[in-house]
């Protein structure tokens, strides 16, 4: 049942447009490639994929660079206020993106302090999409990684410290390799969320800017009353093409995650 929506998209994409309304079933009544052909003609997929993948990779890298050391601190160190601070960070996850959209817009269209009024702003740049998505992905990422780091026995890190490693060296040489299943899982979640993000992509890139097109923007531009009613197979085909990078990432991770989790379980038991 999980894959049924994908299958339904495929059936719709392969059905001729004049047979979609009222004739689509479990098996296409007729097979046509017109939906995919129109999708490739109307969309510059190379540029769209490049921009979307760039945003997703930048977001994933930023989240991991902040969440990994922060999760190590929350999961393995004792310091005053650790629990209240950790609870406060997790509480940030309850805020919907729409609640800060207007303040973010005002912030991003304002020139950087100390520069002239004509100085470039963050709005309509990749940073206007990467920063908000990273901020909203951070609490969940931090919480999941903290659980993984806390489950690694202290004896392994202590042995590295006795052998002469600094705390930072022990983190990167002992803790991070053992926590690889958690890090890869979080990276996958963030990547897919950033790649499929629509709200900030549409809200922060309106007009002519550095982010001229993404997969989400292209599918959004296709979706209008005429095309939705006349050529629903076009929308289904574009949606399937846009899912290819996420599918490949999930396929790669699912093929290796069992081994990584087994190694993590053996180290923590």
C-alpha atoms as a PDB file:
ATOM      1  CA  UNK A   1       0.000   0.000   0.000  1.00  0.00           C
ATOM      2  CA  UNK A   2       2.929   2.344   0.579  1.00  0.00           C
ATOM      3  CA  UNK A   3       3.870   2.283  -3.110  1.00  0.00           C
ATOM      4  CA  UNK A   4       0.306   2.464  -4.413  1.00  0.00           C
ATOM      5  CA  UNK A   5       0.346   6.281  -4.900  1.00  0.00           C
ATOM      6  CA  UNK A   6       3.493   5.880  -7.015  1.00  0.00           C
ATOM      7  CA  UNK A   7       1.819   3.122  -9.008  1.00  0.00           C
ATOM      8  CA  UNK A   8      -1.264   5.294  -9.511  1.00  0.00           C
ATOM      9  CA  UNK A   9       0.942   8.129 -10.781  1.00  0.00           C
ATOM     10  CA  UNK A  10       2.541   5.700 -13.233  1.00  0.00           C
ATOM     11  CA  UNK A  11      -0.844   4.465 -14.465  1.00  0.00           C
ATOM     12  CA  UNK A  12      -2.056   8.049 -14.935  1.00  0.00           C
ATOM     13  CA  UNK A  13       1.169   9.085 -16.687  1.00  0.00           C
ATOM     14  CA  UNK A  14       0.914   6.195 -19.164  1.00  0.00           C
ATOM     15  CA  UNK A  15      -2.768   6.792 -19.935  1.00  0.00           C
ATOM     16  CA  UNK A  16      -3.657   9.068 -22.889  1.00  0.00           C
ATOM     17  CA  UNK A  17      -5.011  12.396 -21.679  1.00  0.00           C
ATOM     18  CA  UNK A  18      -8.455  11.874 -23.228  1.00  0.00           C
ATOM     19  CA  UNK A  19      -8.919   8.619 -21.269  1.00  0.00           C
ATOM     20  CA  UNK A  20      -7.768   9.760 -17.830  1.00  0.00           C
ATOM     21  CA  UNK A  21     -11.035  11.222 -16.562  1.00  0.00           C
ATOM     22  CA  UNK A  22     -13.396   8.356 -15.838  1.00  0.00           C
ATOM     23  CA  UNK A  23     -11.365   5.597 -17.472  1.00  0.00           C
ATOM     24  CA  UNK A  24      -8.293   5.108 -15.278  1.00  0.00           C
ATOM     25  CA  UNK A  25      -8.193   1.809 -13.412  1.00  0.00           C
ATOM     26  CA  UNK A  26      -5.646  -0.504 -11.906  1.00  0.00           C
ATOM     27  CA  UNK A  27      -4.385  -1.164 -15.434  1.00  0.00           C
ATOM     28  CA  UNK A  28      -4.179   1.637 -18.035  1.00  0.00           C
ATOM     29  CA  UNK A  29      -6.962   1.315 -20.649  1.00  0.00           C
ATOM     30  CA  UNK A  30      -4.342   2.286 -23.238  1.00  0.00           C
ATOM     31  CA  UNK A  31      -0.645   3.057 -23.047  1.00  0.00           C
ATOM     32  CA  UNK A  32       0.828   6.296 -24.334  1.00  0.00           C
ATOM     33  CA  UNK A  33       4.100   8.136 -23.755  1.00  0.00           C
ATOM     34  CA  UNK A  34       2.628  11.566 -24.468  1.00  0.00           C
ATOM     35  CA  UNK A  35       2.726  12.577 -20.788  1.00  0.00           C
ATOM     36  CA  UNK A  36       6.460  11.935 -20.494  1.00  0.00           C
ATOM     37  CA  UNK A  37       7.144  13.446 -23.911  1.00  0.00           C
ATOM     38  CA  UNK A  38       5.328  16.664 -22.943  1.00  0.00           C
ATOM     39  CA  UNK A  39       7.108  16.749 -19.580  1.00  0.00           C
ATOM     40  CA  UNK A  40      10.523  16.570 -21.234  1.00  0.00           C
ATOM     41  CA  UNK A  41       9.576  19.250 -23.761  1.00  0.00           C
ATOM     42  CA  UNK A  42       8.185  21.712 -21.218  1.00  0.00           C
ATOM     43  CA  UNK A  43      10.778  21.370 -18.448  1.00  0.00           C
ATOM     44  CA  UNK A  44      14.541  21.923 -18.423  1.00  0.00           C
ATOM     45  CA  UNK A  45      15.157  18.933 -16.179  1.00  0.00           C
ATOM     46  CA  UNK A  46      18.944  19.273 -16.190  1.00  0.00           C
ATOM     47  CA  UNK A  47      18.796  22.762 -14.661  1.00  0.00           C
ATOM     48  CA  UNK A  48      15.902  21.857 -12.375  1.00  0.00           C
ATOM     49  CA  UNK A  49      17.679  18.764 -11.033  1.00  0.00           C
ATOM     50  CA  UNK A  50      20.950  20.681 -10.615  1.00  0.00           C
ATOM     51  CA  UNK A  51      19.313  23.439  -8.563  1.00  0.00           C
ATOM     52  CA  UNK A  52      17.170  21.091  -6.462  1.00  0.00           C
ATOM     53  CA  UNK A  53      20.049  18.714  -5.763  1.00  0.00           C
ATOM     54  CA  UNK A  54      22.313  21.647  -4.930  1.00  0.00           C
ATOM     55  CA  UNK A  55      19.813  22.999  -2.403  1.00  0.00           C
ATOM     56  CA  UNK A  56      19.276  19.531  -0.909  1.00  0.00           C
ATOM     57  CA  UNK A  57      23.009  18.824  -0.594  1.00  0.00           C
ATOM     58  CA  UNK A  58      23.767  22.248   0.922  1.00  0.00           C
ATOM     59  CA  UNK A  59      20.929  21.815   3.411  1.00  0.00           C
ATOM     60  CA  UNK A  60      22.053  18.313   4.373  1.00  0.00           C
ATOM     61  CA  UNK A  61      25.661  19.417   4.827  1.00  0.00           C
ATOM     62  CA  UNK A  62      24.696  22.419   6.937  1.00  0.00           C
ATOM     63  CA  UNK A  63      22.394  20.387   9.175  1.00  0.00           C
ATOM     64  CA  UNK A  64      24.994  17.665   9.744  1.00  0.00           C
ATOM     65  CA  UNK A  65      27.783  20.177  10.442  1.00  0.00           C
ATOM     66  CA  UNK A  66      25.701  21.672  13.264  1.00  0.00           C
ATOM     67  CA  UNK A  67      23.719  18.641  14.466  1.00  0.00           C
ATOM     68  CA  UNK A  68      26.599  16.133  14.785  1.00  0.00           C
ATOM     69  CA  UNK A  69      28.732  18.090  17.299  1.00  0.00           C
ATOM     70  CA  UNK A  70      25.617  19.387  19.080  1.00  0.00           C
ATOM     71  CA  UNK A  71      24.177  15.868  19.394  1.00  0.00           C
ATOM     72  CA  UNK A  72      27.527  14.635  20.711  1.00  0.00           C
ATOM     73  CA  UNK A  73      27.425  17.308  23.393  1.00  0.00           C
ATOM     74  CA  UNK A  74      23.834  16.555  24.390  1.00  0.00           C
ATOM     75  CA  UNK A  75      24.258  12.774  24.237  1.00  0.00           C
ATOM     76  CA  UNK A  76      27.670  12.263  25.832  1.00  0.00           C
ATOM     77  CA  UNK A  77      28.609  15.319  27.888  1.00  0.00           C
ATOM     78  CA  UNK A  78      27.300  16.679  31.152  1.00  0.00           C
ATOM     79  CA  UNK A  79      26.936  20.438  31.504  1.00  0.00           C
ATOM     80  CA  UNK A  80      24.589  22.772  33.389  1.00  0.00           C
ATOM     81  CA  UNK A  81      21.208  23.214  31.738  1.00  0.00           C
ATOM     82  CA  UNK A  82      21.668  20.328  29.318  1.00  0.00           C
ATOM     83  CA  UNK A  83      18.170  18.876  29.695  1.00  0.00           C
ATOM     84  CA  UNK A  84      16.222  22.182  29.581  1.00  0.00           C
ATOM     85  CA  UNK A  85      18.259  23.333  26.586  1.00  0.00           C
ATOM     86  CA  UNK A  86      17.706  20.034  24.789  1.00  0.00           C
ATOM     87  CA  UNK A  87      13.958  20.245  25.495  1.00  0.00           C
ATOM     88  CA  UNK A  88      13.898  23.816  24.184  1.00  0.00           C
ATOM     89  CA  UNK A  89      15.584  22.769  20.943  1.00  0.00           C
ATOM     90  CA  UNK A  90      13.110  19.935  20.423  1.00  0.00           C
ATOM     91  CA  UNK A  91      10.217  22.303  21.194  1.00  0.00           C
ATOM     92  CA  UNK A  92      11.154  24.363  18.135  1.00  0.00           C
ATOM     93  CA  UNK A  93       9.920  21.493  15.962  1.00  0.00           C
ATOM     94  CA  UNK A  94       6.285  22.301  16.806  1.00  0.00           C
ATOM     95  CA  UNK A  95       6.335  25.619  14.926  1.00  0.00           C
ATOM     96  CA  UNK A  96       4.988  25.373  11.358  1.00  0.00           C
ATOM     97  CA  UNK A  97       7.043  27.018   8.600  1.00  0.00           C
ATOM     98  CA  UNK A  98       4.204  29.405   7.796  1.00  0.00           C
ATOM     99  CA  UNK A  99       4.447  30.962  11.252  1.00  0.00           C
ATOM    100  CA  UNK A 100       7.748  32.675  10.457  1.00  0.00           C
ATOM    101  CA  UNK A 101       7.359  33.184   6.715  1.00  0.00           C
ATOM    102  CA  UNK A 102       6.666  36.933   6.864  1.00  0.00           C
ATOM    103  CA  UNK A 103       9.473  37.742   9.366  1.00  0.00           C
ATOM    104  CA  UNK A 104      11.892  35.690   7.267  1.00  0.00           C
ATOM    105  CA  UNK A 105      10.825  37.520   4.138  1.00  0.00           C
ATOM    106  CA  UNK A 106      11.413  40.894   5.822  1.00  0.00           C
ATOM    107  CA  UNK A 107      14.805  39.681   7.034  1.00  0.00           C
ATOM    108  CA  UNK A 108      15.910  38.342   3.669  1.00  0.00           C
ATOM    109  CA  UNK A 109      14.846  41.374   1.609  1.00  0.00           C
ATOM    110  CA  UNK A 110      16.724  43.721   3.949  1.00  0.00           C
ATOM    111  CA  UNK A 111      20.352  44.480   2.977  1.00  0.00           C
ATOM    112  CA  UNK A 112      23.015  43.117   5.290  1.00  0.00           C
ATOM    113  CA  UNK A 113      23.744  45.626   8.097  1.00  0.00           C
ATOM    114  CA  UNK A 114      26.711  47.841   7.297  1.00  0.00           C
ATOM    115  CA  UNK A 115      26.196  47.656   3.533  1.00  0.00           C
ATOM    116  CA  UNK A 116      24.498  50.155   1.241  1.00  0.00           C
ATOM    117  CA  UNK A 117      20.799  50.031   0.447  1.00  0.00           C
ATOM    118  CA  UNK A 118      21.619  48.775  -3.033  1.00  0.00           C
ATOM    119  CA  UNK A 119      23.638  45.838  -1.698  1.00  0.00           C
ATOM    120  CA  UNK A 120      22.442  42.330  -2.640  1.00  0.00           C
ATOM    121  CA  UNK A 121      20.020  40.646  -0.285  1.00  0.00           C
ATOM    122  CA  UNK A 122      19.531  36.990   0.624  1.00  0.00           C
ATOM    123  CA  UNK A 123      16.132  36.878  -1.076  1.00  0.00           C
ATOM    124  CA  UNK A 124      15.987  34.948  -4.379  1.00  0.00           C
ATOM    125  CA  UNK A 125      19.260  33.173  -3.624  1.00  0.00           C
ATOM    126  CA  UNK A 126      19.914  29.548  -2.614  1.00  0.00           C
ATOM    127  CA  UNK A 127      20.557  30.753   0.959  1.00  0.00           C
ATOM    128  CA  UNK A 128      16.952  31.960   1.205  1.00  0.00           C
ATOM    129  CA  UNK A 129      15.843  28.344   0.751  1.00  0.00           C
ATOM    130  CA  UNK A 130      18.692  26.486   2.461  1.00  0.00           C
ATOM    131  CA  UNK A 131      18.667  28.428   5.744  1.00  0.00           C
ATOM    132  CA  UNK A 132      14.931  28.063   6.606  1.00  0.00           C
ATOM    133  CA  UNK A 133      14.819  24.385   5.639  1.00  0.00           C
ATOM    134  CA  UNK A 134      17.948  23.728   7.707  1.00  0.00           C
ATOM    135  CA  UNK A 135      16.464  25.531  10.701  1.00  0.00           C
ATOM    136  CA  UNK A 136      13.290  23.447  10.629  1.00  0.00           C
ATOM    137  CA  UNK A 137      15.168  20.185  10.055  1.00  0.00           C
ATOM    138  CA  UNK A 138      17.604  20.843  12.895  1.00  0.00           C
ATOM    139  CA  UNK A 139      15.473  19.883  15.965  1.00  0.00           C
ATOM    140  CA  UNK A 140      14.471  16.455  14.646  1.00  0.00           C
ATOM    141  CA  UNK A 141      17.979  15.767  13.342  1.00  0.00           C
ATOM    142  CA  UNK A 142      19.507  16.757  16.658  1.00  0.00           C
ATOM    143  CA  UNK A 143      17.077  14.585  18.610  1.00  0.00           C
ATOM    144  CA  UNK A 144      17.681  11.479  16.494  1.00  0.00           C
ATOM    145  CA  UNK A 145      21.453  11.848  16.510  1.00  0.00           C
ATOM    146  CA  UNK A 146      21.506  12.417  20.269  1.00  0.00           C
ATOM    147  CA  UNK A 147      19.840   9.027  20.766  1.00  0.00           C
ATOM    148  CA  UNK A 148      22.470   7.309  18.616  1.00  0.00           C
ATOM    149  CA  UNK A 149      25.400   9.040  20.299  1.00  0.00           C
ATOM    150  CA  UNK A 150      24.029   8.316  23.774  1.00  0.00           C
ATOM    151  CA  UNK A 151      23.789   4.594  22.938  1.00  0.00           C
ATOM    152  CA  UNK A 152      27.502   4.199  22.210  1.00  0.00           C
ATOM    153  CA  UNK A 153      29.350   2.783  25.266  1.00  0.00           C
ATOM    154  CA  UNK A 154      31.658   5.205  27.045  1.00  0.00           C
ATOM    155  CA  UNK A 155      34.352   2.518  27.263  1.00  0.00           C
ATOM    156  CA  UNK A 156      35.124   2.804  23.543  1.00  0.00           C
ATOM    157  CA  UNK A 157      35.670   6.544  23.706  1.00  0.00           C
ATOM    158  CA  UNK A 158      37.572   6.258  26.988  1.00  0.00           C
ATOM    159  CA  UNK A 159      39.946   3.730  25.393  1.00  0.00           C
ATOM    160  CA  UNK A 160      40.668   6.180  22.598  1.00  0.00           C
ATOM    161  CA  UNK A 161      41.288   8.966  25.115  1.00  0.00           C
ATOM    162  CA  UNK A 162      43.683   6.755  27.087  1.00  0.00           C
ATOM    163  CA  UNK A 163      45.519   5.982  23.849  1.00  0.00           C
ATOM    164  CA  UNK A 164      46.229   9.692  23.478  1.00  0.00           C
ATOM    165  CA  UNK A 165      43.330  10.912  21.324  1.00  0.00           C
ATOM    166  CA  UNK A 166      41.793  14.273  22.079  1.00  0.00           C
ATOM    167  CA  UNK A 167      38.049  14.554  22.551  1.00  0.00           C
ATOM    168  CA  UNK A 168      37.652  15.844  19.009  1.00  0.00           C
ATOM    169  CA  UNK A 169      39.768  12.995  17.619  1.00  0.00           C
ATOM    170  CA  UNK A 170      37.755  10.473  19.622  1.00  0.00           C
ATOM    171  CA  UNK A 171      34.559  11.998  18.226  1.00  0.00           C
ATOM    172  CA  UNK A 172      35.605  11.688  14.579  1.00  0.00           C
ATOM    173  CA  UNK A 173      37.563   8.432  14.820  1.00  0.00           C
ATOM    174  CA  UNK A 174      35.389   6.442  17.235  1.00  0.00           C
ATOM    175  CA  UNK A 175      31.956   7.950  17.867  1.00  0.00           C
ATOM    176  CA  UNK A 176      31.070   9.155  14.382  1.00  0.00           C
ATOM    177  CA  UNK A 177      31.955   5.849  12.608  1.00  0.00           C
ATOM    178  CA  UNK A 178      29.884   3.902  15.141  1.00  0.00           C
ATOM    179  CA  UNK A 179      26.986   6.333  14.756  1.00  0.00           C
ATOM    180  CA  UNK A 180      27.081   6.107  10.956  1.00  0.00           C
ATOM    181  CA  UNK A 181      23.628   4.438  10.698  1.00  0.00           C
ATOM    182  CA  UNK A 182      22.059   7.345  12.567  1.00  0.00           C
ATOM    183  CA  UNK A 183      23.993   9.955  10.616  1.00  0.00           C
ATOM    184  CA  UNK A 184      23.074   8.368   7.270  1.00  0.00           C
ATOM    185  CA  UNK A 185      19.426   8.059   8.327  1.00  0.00           C
ATOM    186  CA  UNK A 186      19.265  11.701   9.360  1.00  0.00           C
ATOM    187  CA  UNK A 187      21.103  12.796   6.223  1.00  0.00           C
ATOM    188  CA  UNK A 188      18.608  10.864   4.099  1.00  0.00           C
ATOM    189  CA  UNK A 189      15.610  12.391   5.870  1.00  0.00           C
ATOM    190  CA  UNK A 190      17.014  15.909   5.523  1.00  0.00           C
ATOM    191  CA  UNK A 191      17.996  15.393   1.879  1.00  0.00           C
ATOM    192  CA  UNK A 192      14.563  14.108   0.860  1.00  0.00           C
ATOM    193  CA  UNK A 193      12.795  16.832   2.867  1.00  0.00           C
ATOM    194  CA  UNK A 194      14.942  19.559   1.308  1.00  0.00           C
ATOM    195  CA  UNK A 195      14.628  18.125  -2.195  1.00  0.00           C
ATOM    196  CA  UNK A 196      10.832  17.919  -1.987  1.00  0.00           C
ATOM    197  CA  UNK A 197      10.379  21.180  -0.038  1.00  0.00           C
ATOM    198  CA  UNK A 198       7.848  23.403  -1.775  1.00  0.00           C
ATOM    199  CA  UNK A 199       6.798  26.174   0.599  1.00  0.00           C
ATOM    200  CA  UNK A 200      10.118  28.012   1.002  1.00  0.00           C
ATOM    201  CA  UNK A 201      11.132  27.183  -2.573  1.00  0.00           C
ATOM    202  CA  UNK A 202       8.073  29.025  -3.886  1.00  0.00           C
ATOM    203  CA  UNK A 203       8.008  31.769  -1.269  1.00  0.00           C
ATOM    204  CA  UNK A 204      11.667  32.745  -1.368  1.00  0.00           C
ATOM    205  CA  UNK A 205      12.415  32.493  -5.099  1.00  0.00           C
ATOM    206  CA  UNK A 206       9.598  34.483  -6.731  1.00  0.00           C
ATOM    207  CA  UNK A 207      10.837  36.523  -9.697  1.00  0.00           C
ATOM    208  CA  UNK A 208      14.209  36.547 -11.402  1.00  0.00           C
ATOM    209  CA  UNK A 209      16.923  35.441  -9.021  1.00  0.00           C
ATOM    210  CA  UNK A 210      19.809  33.061  -8.612  1.00  0.00           C
ATOM    211  CA  UNK A 211      17.369  30.157  -8.174  1.00  0.00           C
ATOM    212  CA  UNK A 212      15.660  30.366 -11.547  1.00  0.00           C
ATOM    213  CA  UNK A 213      14.095  26.942 -11.454  1.00  0.00           C
ATOM    214  CA  UNK A 214      13.845  23.825  -9.318  1.00  0.00           C
ATOM    215  CA  UNK A 215      11.921  20.604  -9.694  1.00  0.00           C
ATOM    216  CA  UNK A 216       9.213  21.895  -7.361  1.00  0.00           C
ATOM    217  CA  UNK A 217       8.941  25.207  -9.202  1.00  0.00           C
ATOM    218  CA  UNK A 218       8.672  23.490 -12.572  1.00  0.00           C
ATOM    219  CA  UNK A 219       5.920  21.141 -11.396  1.00  0.00           C
ATOM    220  CA  UNK A 220       4.141  24.086  -9.775  1.00  0.00           C
ATOM    221  CA  UNK A 221       4.343  26.063 -13.033  1.00  0.00           C
ATOM    222  CA  UNK A 222       2.844  23.142 -14.950  1.00  0.00           C
ATOM    223  CA  UNK A 223      -0.040  22.929 -12.507  1.00  0.00           C
ATOM    224  CA  UNK A 224      -2.715  25.327 -13.724  1.00  0.00           C
ATOM    225  CA  UNK A 225      -6.412  24.754 -14.384  1.00  0.00           C
ATOM    226  CA  UNK A 226      -5.958  24.158 -18.114  1.00  0.00           C
ATOM    227  CA  UNK A 227      -3.117  21.647 -17.928  1.00  0.00           C
ATOM    228  CA  UNK A 228      -4.541  19.933 -14.839  1.00  0.00           C
ATOM    229  CA  UNK A 229      -7.856  19.294 -16.575  1.00  0.00           C
ATOM    230  CA  UNK A 230      -6.693  18.771 -20.153  1.00  0.00           C
ATOM    231  CA  UNK A 231      -3.438  16.872 -19.534  1.00  0.00           C
ATOM    232  CA  UNK A 232      -3.411  15.226 -16.082  1.00  0.00           C
ATOM    233  CA  UNK A 233      -0.984  12.636 -17.473  1.00  0.00           C
ATOM    234  CA  UNK A 234       1.547  15.464 -17.916  1.00  0.00           C
ATOM    235  CA  UNK A 235       1.392  16.307 -14.204  1.00  0.00           C
ATOM    236  CA  UNK A 236       1.718  12.639 -13.245  1.00  0.00           C
ATOM    237  CA  UNK A 237       4.699  12.157 -15.556  1.00  0.00           C
ATOM    238  CA  UNK A 238       6.436  15.298 -14.262  1.00  0.00           C
ATOM    239  CA  UNK A 239       5.883  14.135 -10.683  1.00  0.00           C
ATOM    240  CA  UNK A 240       7.411  10.741 -11.411  1.00  0.00           C
ATOM    241  CA  UNK A 241      10.443  12.253 -13.145  1.00  0.00           C
ATOM    242  CA  UNK A 242      10.956  14.619 -10.226  1.00  0.00           C
ATOM    243  CA  UNK A 243      10.968  11.708  -7.764  1.00  0.00           C
ATOM    244  CA  UNK A 244      13.894   9.921  -9.442  1.00  0.00           C
ATOM    245  CA  UNK A 245      16.730  11.440  -7.298  1.00  0.00           C
ATOM    246  CA  UNK A 246      14.868  10.767  -4.032  1.00  0.00           C
ATOM    247  CA  UNK A 247      14.135   7.212  -5.148  1.00  0.00           C
ATOM    248  CA  UNK A 248      17.790   6.561  -5.999  1.00  0.00           C
ATOM    249  CA  UNK A 249      18.974   7.924  -2.645  1.00  0.00           C
ATOM    250  CA  UNK A 250      16.462   5.818  -0.713  1.00  0.00           C
ATOM    251  CA  UNK A 251      17.382   2.762  -2.771  1.00  0.00           C
ATOM    252  CA  UNK A 252      21.071   3.185  -1.980  1.00  0.00           C
ATOM    253  CA  UNK A 253      20.479   3.759   1.740  1.00  0.00           C
ATOM    254  CA  UNK A 254      18.048   0.855   2.109  1.00  0.00           C
ATOM    255  CA  UNK A 255      20.580  -1.465   0.497  1.00  0.00           C
ATOM    256  CA  UNK A 256      23.302  -0.597   3.011  1.00  0.00           C
ATOM    257  CA  UNK A 257      21.463   0.380   6.183  1.00  0.00           C
ATOM    258  CA  UNK A 258      21.024  -3.170   7.500  1.00  0.00           C
ATOM    259  CA  UNK A 259      24.774  -3.721   7.574  1.00  0.00           C
ATOM    260  CA  UNK A 260      25.427  -0.375   9.234  1.00  0.00           C
ATOM    261  CA  UNK A 261      22.770  -1.028  11.870  1.00  0.00           C
ATOM    262  CA  UNK A 262      24.244  -4.476  12.555  1.00  0.00           C
ATOM    263  CA  UNK A 263      27.670  -2.940  13.106  1.00  0.00           C
ATOM    264  CA  UNK A 264      26.198  -0.285  15.404  1.00  0.00           C
ATOM    265  CA  UNK A 265      24.269  -2.950  17.357  1.00  0.00           C
ATOM    266  CA  UNK A 266      27.372  -5.092  17.784  1.00  0.00           C
ATOM    267  CA  UNK A 267      29.361  -2.119  19.088  1.00  0.00           C
ATOM    268  CA  UNK A 268      26.702  -1.029  21.563  1.00  0.00           C
ATOM    269  CA  UNK A 269      25.992  -4.461  23.051  1.00  0.00           C
END
